[in-house]
Amino acid sequence: DGEECQHGGTVTGTTGNCGCTCTSGVNKAYEGSNCQTPSKCTAAADGKECQNGGTVTGVTGSCGCACADGYEGSNCQEASACTGGANGKPCQHAGTVTGVTGSCGCACPKGPIS
Protein backbone atom coordinates (compact mmCIF):
# COMPACT_ATOMS: atom_id res chain seq x y z
CA ASP A 1 0.00 0.00 0.00
CA GLY A 2 3.07 2.26 -0.30
CA GLU A 3 3.61 2.76 3.44
CA GLU A 4 6.76 1.63 5.20
CA CYS A 5 6.78 -1.28 7.62
CA GLN A 6 6.79 0.00 11.22
CA HIS A 7 8.26 -1.24 14.51
CA GLY A 8 11.04 -3.27 12.91
CA GLY A 9 8.85 -5.07 10.36
CA THR A 10 10.56 -6.17 7.14
CA VAL A 11 9.34 -5.64 3.59
CA THR A 12 8.34 -8.79 1.70
CA GLY A 13 7.15 -9.57 -1.82
CA THR A 14 7.83 -8.00 -5.19
CA THR A 15 6.83 -4.79 -6.97
CA GLY A 16 3.07 -4.56 -7.05
CA ASN A 17 2.69 -7.24 -4.38
CA CYS A 18 4.53 -5.89 -1.34
CA GLY A 19 3.78 -6.58 2.30
CA CYS A 20 5.36 -6.64 5.73
CA THR A 21 6.54 -9.40 8.02
CA CYS A 22 6.02 -8.04 11.52
CA THR A 23 8.24 -8.59 14.55
CA SER A 24 7.28 -11.34 16.94
CA GLY A 25 8.35 -12.58 20.33
CA VAL A 26 7.27 -12.20 23.93
CA ASN A 27 5.81 -8.67 24.30
CA LYS A 28 7.56 -7.43 21.15
CA ALA A 29 4.94 -8.34 18.56
CA TYR A 30 3.10 -6.02 16.18
CA GLU A 31 0.43 -6.77 13.61
CA GLY A 32 -1.49 -5.08 10.80
CA SER A 33 -0.69 -4.47 7.14
CA ASN A 34 2.26 -2.21 8.09
CA CYS A 35 2.99 -3.63 11.57
CA GLN A 36 1.34 -0.55 13.05
CA THR A 37 -0.80 -2.23 15.73
CA PRO A 38 0.64 -3.46 19.06
CA SER A 39 -0.27 -7.09 19.80
CA LYS A 40 -1.90 -8.34 22.99
CA CYS A 41 0.72 -9.14 25.65
CA THR A 42 1.59 -12.75 26.38
CA ALA A 43 3.62 -12.12 29.56
CA ALA A 44 4.37 -9.41 32.13
CA ALA A 45 6.57 -6.43 31.25
CA ASP A 46 9.75 -8.35 32.10
CA GLY A 47 8.74 -11.24 29.82
CA LYS A 48 7.96 -13.56 32.73
CA GLU A 49 4.62 -15.20 33.49
CA CYS A 50 2.18 -13.75 35.99
CA GLN A 51 2.16 -15.88 39.15
CA ASN A 52 -0.39 -16.88 41.79
CA GLY A 53 -3.43 -16.60 39.53
CA GLY A 54 -2.49 -13.21 38.03
CA THR A 55 -3.55 -12.46 34.46
CA VAL A 56 -1.57 -10.73 31.71
CA THR A 57 -2.83 -7.27 30.70
CA GLY A 58 -1.99 -4.71 28.02
CA VAL A 59 -0.47 -4.57 24.56
CA THR A 60 3.13 -4.42 23.32
CA GLY A 61 4.86 -1.58 25.13
CA SER A 62 2.56 -1.60 28.17
CA CYS A 63 2.40 -5.17 29.45
CA GLY A 64 1.68 -6.07 33.06
CA CYS A 65 -0.17 -8.38 35.42
CA ALA A 66 -3.51 -7.97 37.17
CA CYS A 67 -2.95 -9.76 40.46
CA ALA A 68 -5.44 -12.00 42.23
CA ASP A 69 -6.57 -10.87 45.67
CA GLY A 70 -3.83 -11.35 48.22
CA TYR A 71 -0.88 -10.94 45.85
CA GLU A 72 1.15 -8.02 44.55
CA GLY A 73 4.36 -7.19 42.68
CA SER A 74 5.14 -6.82 38.99
CA ASN A 75 4.49 -10.55 38.44
CA CYS A 76 2.12 -11.10 41.39
CA GLN A 77 4.99 -12.93 43.05
CA GLU A 78 4.61 -11.42 46.52
CA ALA A 79 2.00 -12.42 49.07
CA SER A 80 0.23 -9.37 50.51
CA ALA A 81 0.16 -8.58 54.20
CA CYS A 82 -2.96 -10.03 55.83
CA THR A 83 -5.87 -7.74 56.62
CA GLY A 84 -7.67 -10.30 58.79
CA GLY A 85 -6.77 -13.29 60.90
CA ALA A 86 -7.33 -16.95 59.99
CA ASN A 87 -10.01 -17.35 57.30
CA GLY A 88 -10.05 -13.56 56.87
CA LYS A 89 -11.95 -13.01 60.11
CA PRO A 90 -11.00 -10.12 62.40
CA CYS A 91 -8.80 -10.76 65.40
CA GLN A 92 -10.68 -10.50 68.68
CA HIS A 93 -9.80 -9.33 72.19
CA ALA A 94 -7.17 -6.81 71.04
CA GLY A 95 -5.34 -9.40 68.90
CA THR A 96 -3.10 -8.18 66.09
CA VAL A 97 -3.23 -9.52 62.52
CA THR A 98 -0.04 -11.33 61.47
CA GLY A 99 1.34 -13.03 58.37
CA VAL A 100 0.89 -12.86 54.61
CA THR A 101 -1.60 -14.41 52.20
CA GLY A 102 -1.83 -18.13 52.88
CA SER A 103 -0.59 -17.91 56.47
CA CYS A 104 -2.71 -15.28 58.24
CA GLY A 105 -3.26 -15.41 61.95
CA CYS A 106 -3.67 -13.37 65.10
CA ALA A 107 -1.13 -12.51 67.78
CA CYS A 108 -2.94 -12.41 71.10
CA PRO A 109 -1.90 -10.03 73.84
CA LYS A 110 -0.18 -11.57 76.86
CA GLY A 111 -1.77 -11.49 80.24
CA PRO A 112 -5.37 -11.21 81.34
CA ILE A 113 -7.87 -9.27 79.24
CA SER A 114 -9.69 -6.67 81.26
C-alpha atoms as a PDB file:
ATOM      1  CA  ASP A   1       0.000   0.000   0.000  1.00  0.00           C
ATOM      2  CA  GLY A   2       3.071   2.262  -0.296  1.00  0.00           C
ATOM      3  CA  GLU A   3       3.614   2.765   3.440  1.00  0.00           C
ATOM      4  CA  GLU A   4       6.761   1.633   5.204  1.00  0.00           C
ATOM      5  CA  CYS A   5       6.776  -1.281   7.622  1.00  0.00           C
ATOM      6  CA  GLN A   6       6.790   0.003  11.216  1.00  0.00           C
ATOM      7  CA  HIS A   7       8.256  -1.244  14.513  1.00  0.00           C
ATOM      8  CA  GLY A   8      11.038  -3.268  12.907  1.00  0.00           C
ATOM      9  CA  GLY A   9       8.846  -5.073  10.362  1.00  0.00           C
ATOM     10  CA  THR A  10      10.558  -6.171   7.139  1.00  0.00           C
ATOM     11  CA  VAL A  11       9.342  -5.641   3.586  1.00  0.00           C
ATOM     12  CA  THR A  12       8.343  -8.789   1.698  1.00  0.00           C
ATOM     13  CA  GLY A  13       7.153  -9.566  -1.819  1.00  0.00           C
ATOM     14  CA  THR A  14       7.828  -8.004  -5.188  1.00  0.00           C
ATOM     15  CA  THR A  15       6.833  -4.794  -6.972  1.00  0.00           C
ATOM     16  CA  GLY A  16       3.067  -4.559  -7.049  1.00  0.00           C
ATOM     17  CA  ASN A  17       2.688  -7.237  -4.377  1.00  0.00           C
ATOM     18  CA  CYS A  18       4.525  -5.894  -1.335  1.00  0.00           C
ATOM     19  CA  GLY A  19       3.777  -6.585   2.301  1.00  0.00           C
ATOM     20  CA  CYS A  20       5.361  -6.644   5.731  1.00  0.00           C
ATOM     21  CA  THR A  21       6.537  -9.400   8.017  1.00  0.00           C
ATOM     22  CA  CYS A  22       6.019  -8.038  11.519  1.00  0.00           C
ATOM     23  CA  THR A  23       8.239  -8.590  14.546  1.00  0.00           C
ATOM     24  CA  SER A  24       7.275 -11.340  16.943  1.00  0.00           C
ATOM     25  CA  GLY A  25       8.346 -12.585  20.333  1.00  0.00           C
ATOM     26  CA  VAL A  26       7.267 -12.197  23.926  1.00  0.00           C
ATOM     27  CA  ASN A  27       5.813  -8.665  24.300  1.00  0.00           C
ATOM     28  CA  LYS A  28       7.556  -7.429  21.145  1.00  0.00           C
ATOM     29  CA  ALA A  29       4.940  -8.340  18.557  1.00  0.00           C
ATOM     30  CA  TYR A  30       3.104  -6.021  16.183  1.00  0.00           C
ATOM     31  CA  GLU A  31       0.428  -6.766  13.613  1.00  0.00           C
ATOM     32  CA  GLY A  32      -1.495  -5.085  10.797  1.00  0.00           C
ATOM     33  CA  SER A  33      -0.687  -4.473   7.144  1.00  0.00           C
ATOM     34  CA  ASN A  34       2.259  -2.207   8.090  1.00  0.00           C
ATOM     35  CA  CYS A  35       2.991  -3.633  11.574  1.00  0.00           C
ATOM     36  CA  GLN A  36       1.343  -0.548  13.048  1.00  0.00           C
ATOM     37  CA  THR A  37      -0.798  -2.226  15.728  1.00  0.00           C
ATOM     38  CA  PRO A  38       0.637  -3.457  19.059  1.00  0.00           C
ATOM     39  CA  SER A  39      -0.268  -7.085  19.796  1.00  0.00           C
ATOM     40  CA  LYS A  40      -1.897  -8.336  22.986  1.00  0.00           C
ATOM     41  CA  CYS A  41       0.717  -9.140  25.650  1.00  0.00           C
ATOM     42  CA  THR A  42       1.592 -12.750  26.376  1.00  0.00           C
ATOM     43  CA  ALA A  43       3.619 -12.118  29.562  1.00  0.00           C
ATOM     44  CA  ALA A  44       4.366  -9.415  32.134  1.00  0.00           C
ATOM     45  CA  ALA A  45       6.569  -6.435  31.248  1.00  0.00           C
ATOM     46  CA  ASP A  46       9.751  -8.353  32.099  1.00  0.00           C
ATOM     47  CA  GLY A  47       8.742 -11.237  29.820  1.00  0.00           C
ATOM     48  CA  LYS A  48       7.964 -13.556  32.731  1.00  0.00           C
ATOM     49  CA  GLU A  49       4.622 -15.200  33.492  1.00  0.00           C
ATOM     50  CA  CYS A  50       2.182 -13.748  35.985  1.00  0.00           C
ATOM     51  CA  GLN A  51       2.161 -15.883  39.150  1.00  0.00           C
ATOM     52  CA  ASN A  52      -0.387 -16.881  41.790  1.00  0.00           C
ATOM     53  CA  GLY A  53      -3.432 -16.602  39.526  1.00  0.00           C
ATOM     54  CA  GLY A  54      -2.486 -13.214  38.033  1.00  0.00           C
ATOM     55  CA  THR A  55      -3.548 -12.459  34.455  1.00  0.00           C
ATOM     56  CA  VAL A  56      -1.567 -10.725  31.708  1.00  0.00           C
ATOM     57  CA  THR A  57      -2.829  -7.274  30.695  1.00  0.00           C
ATOM     58  CA  GLY A  58      -1.991  -4.709  28.018  1.00  0.00           C
ATOM     59  CA  VAL A  59      -0.470  -4.573  24.565  1.00  0.00           C
ATOM     60  CA  THR A  60       3.130  -4.423  23.321  1.00  0.00           C
ATOM     61  CA  GLY A  61       4.860  -1.580  25.133  1.00  0.00           C
ATOM     62  CA  SER A  62       2.556  -1.596  28.170  1.00  0.00           C
ATOM     63  CA  CYS A  63       2.404  -5.168  29.454  1.00  0.00           C
ATOM     64  CA  GLY A  64       1.677  -6.066  33.057  1.00  0.00           C
ATOM     65  CA  CYS A  65      -0.174  -8.376  35.425  1.00  0.00           C
ATOM     66  CA  ALA A  66      -3.509  -7.972  37.168  1.00  0.00           C
ATOM     67  CA  CYS A  67      -2.951  -9.762  40.459  1.00  0.00           C
ATOM     68  CA  ALA A  68      -5.443 -11.996  42.228  1.00  0.00           C
ATOM     69  CA  ASP A  69      -6.572 -10.871  45.671  1.00  0.00           C
ATOM     70  CA  GLY A  70      -3.832 -11.349  48.222  1.00  0.00           C
ATOM     71  CA  TYR A  71      -0.878 -10.936  45.846  1.00  0.00           C
ATOM     72  CA  GLU A  72       1.149  -8.024  44.546  1.00  0.00           C
ATOM     73  CA  GLY A  73       4.357  -7.189  42.681  1.00  0.00           C
ATOM     74  CA  SER A  74       5.141  -6.819  38.991  1.00  0.00           C
ATOM     75  CA  ASN A  75       4.486 -10.546  38.437  1.00  0.00           C
ATOM     76  CA  CYS A  76       2.117 -11.099  41.394  1.00  0.00           C
ATOM     77  CA  GLN A  77       4.992 -12.929  43.046  1.00  0.00           C
ATOM     78  CA  GLU A  78       4.615 -11.425  46.515  1.00  0.00           C
ATOM     79  CA  ALA A  79       2.000 -12.416  49.073  1.00  0.00           C
ATOM     80  CA  SER A  80       0.230  -9.365  50.510  1.00  0.00           C
ATOM     81  CA  ALA A  81       0.155  -8.577  54.203  1.00  0.00           C
ATOM     82  CA  CYS A  82      -2.964 -10.026  55.830  1.00  0.00           C
ATOM     83  CA  THR A  83      -5.872  -7.736  56.618  1.00  0.00           C
ATOM     84  CA  GLY A  84      -7.672 -10.300  58.786  1.00  0.00           C
ATOM     85  CA  GLY A  85      -6.773 -13.295  60.903  1.00  0.00           C
ATOM     86  CA  ALA A  86      -7.327 -16.947  59.991  1.00  0.00           C
ATOM     87  CA  ASN A  87     -10.014 -17.346  57.304  1.00  0.00           C
ATOM     88  CA  GLY A  88     -10.053 -13.557  56.866  1.00  0.00           C
ATOM     89  CA  LYS A  89     -11.948 -13.015  60.105  1.00  0.00           C
ATOM     90  CA  PRO A  90     -11.002 -10.115  62.401  1.00  0.00           C
ATOM     91  CA  CYS A  91      -8.802 -10.764  65.400  1.00  0.00           C
ATOM     92  CA  GLN A  92     -10.683 -10.503  68.675  1.00  0.00           C
ATOM     93  CA  HIS A  93      -9.804  -9.331  72.191  1.00  0.00           C
ATOM     94  CA  ALA A  94      -7.168  -6.810  71.045  1.00  0.00           C
ATOM     95  CA  GLY A  95      -5.337  -9.404  68.903  1.00  0.00           C
ATOM     96  CA  THR A  96      -3.099  -8.180  66.089  1.00  0.00           C
ATOM     97  CA  VAL A  97      -3.228  -9.518  62.516  1.00  0.00           C
ATOM     98  CA  THR A  98      -0.035 -11.330  61.471  1.00  0.00           C
ATOM     99  CA  GLY A  99       1.338 -13.029  58.365  1.00  0.00           C
ATOM    100  CA  VAL A 100       0.892 -12.856  54.607  1.00  0.00           C
ATOM    101  CA  THR A 101      -1.596 -14.408  52.196  1.00  0.00           C
ATOM    102  CA  GLY A 102      -1.828 -18.127  52.883  1.00  0.00           C
ATOM    103  CA  SER A 103      -0.595 -17.913  56.466  1.00  0.00           C
ATOM    104  CA  CYS A 104      -2.714 -15.285  58.236  1.00  0.00           C
ATOM    105  CA  GLY A 105      -3.255 -15.407  61.948  1.00  0.00           C
ATOM    106  CA  CYS A 106      -3.668 -13.366  65.100  1.00  0.00           C
ATOM    107  CA  ALA A 107      -1.130 -12.512  67.784  1.00  0.00           C
ATOM    108  CA  CYS A 108      -2.936 -12.414  71.099  1.00  0.00           C
ATOM    109  CA  PRO A 109      -1.897 -10.027  73.841  1.00  0.00           C
ATOM    110  CA  LYS A 110      -0.181 -11.570  76.858  1.00  0.00           C
ATOM    111  CA  GLY A 111      -1.769 -11.485  80.236  1.00  0.00           C
ATOM    112  CA  PRO A 112      -5.372 -11.211  81.339  1.00  0.00           C
ATOM    113  CA  ILE A 113      -7.870  -9.274  79.245  1.00  0.00           C
ATOM    114  CA  SER A 114      -9.688  -6.669  81.256  1.00  0.00           C
END
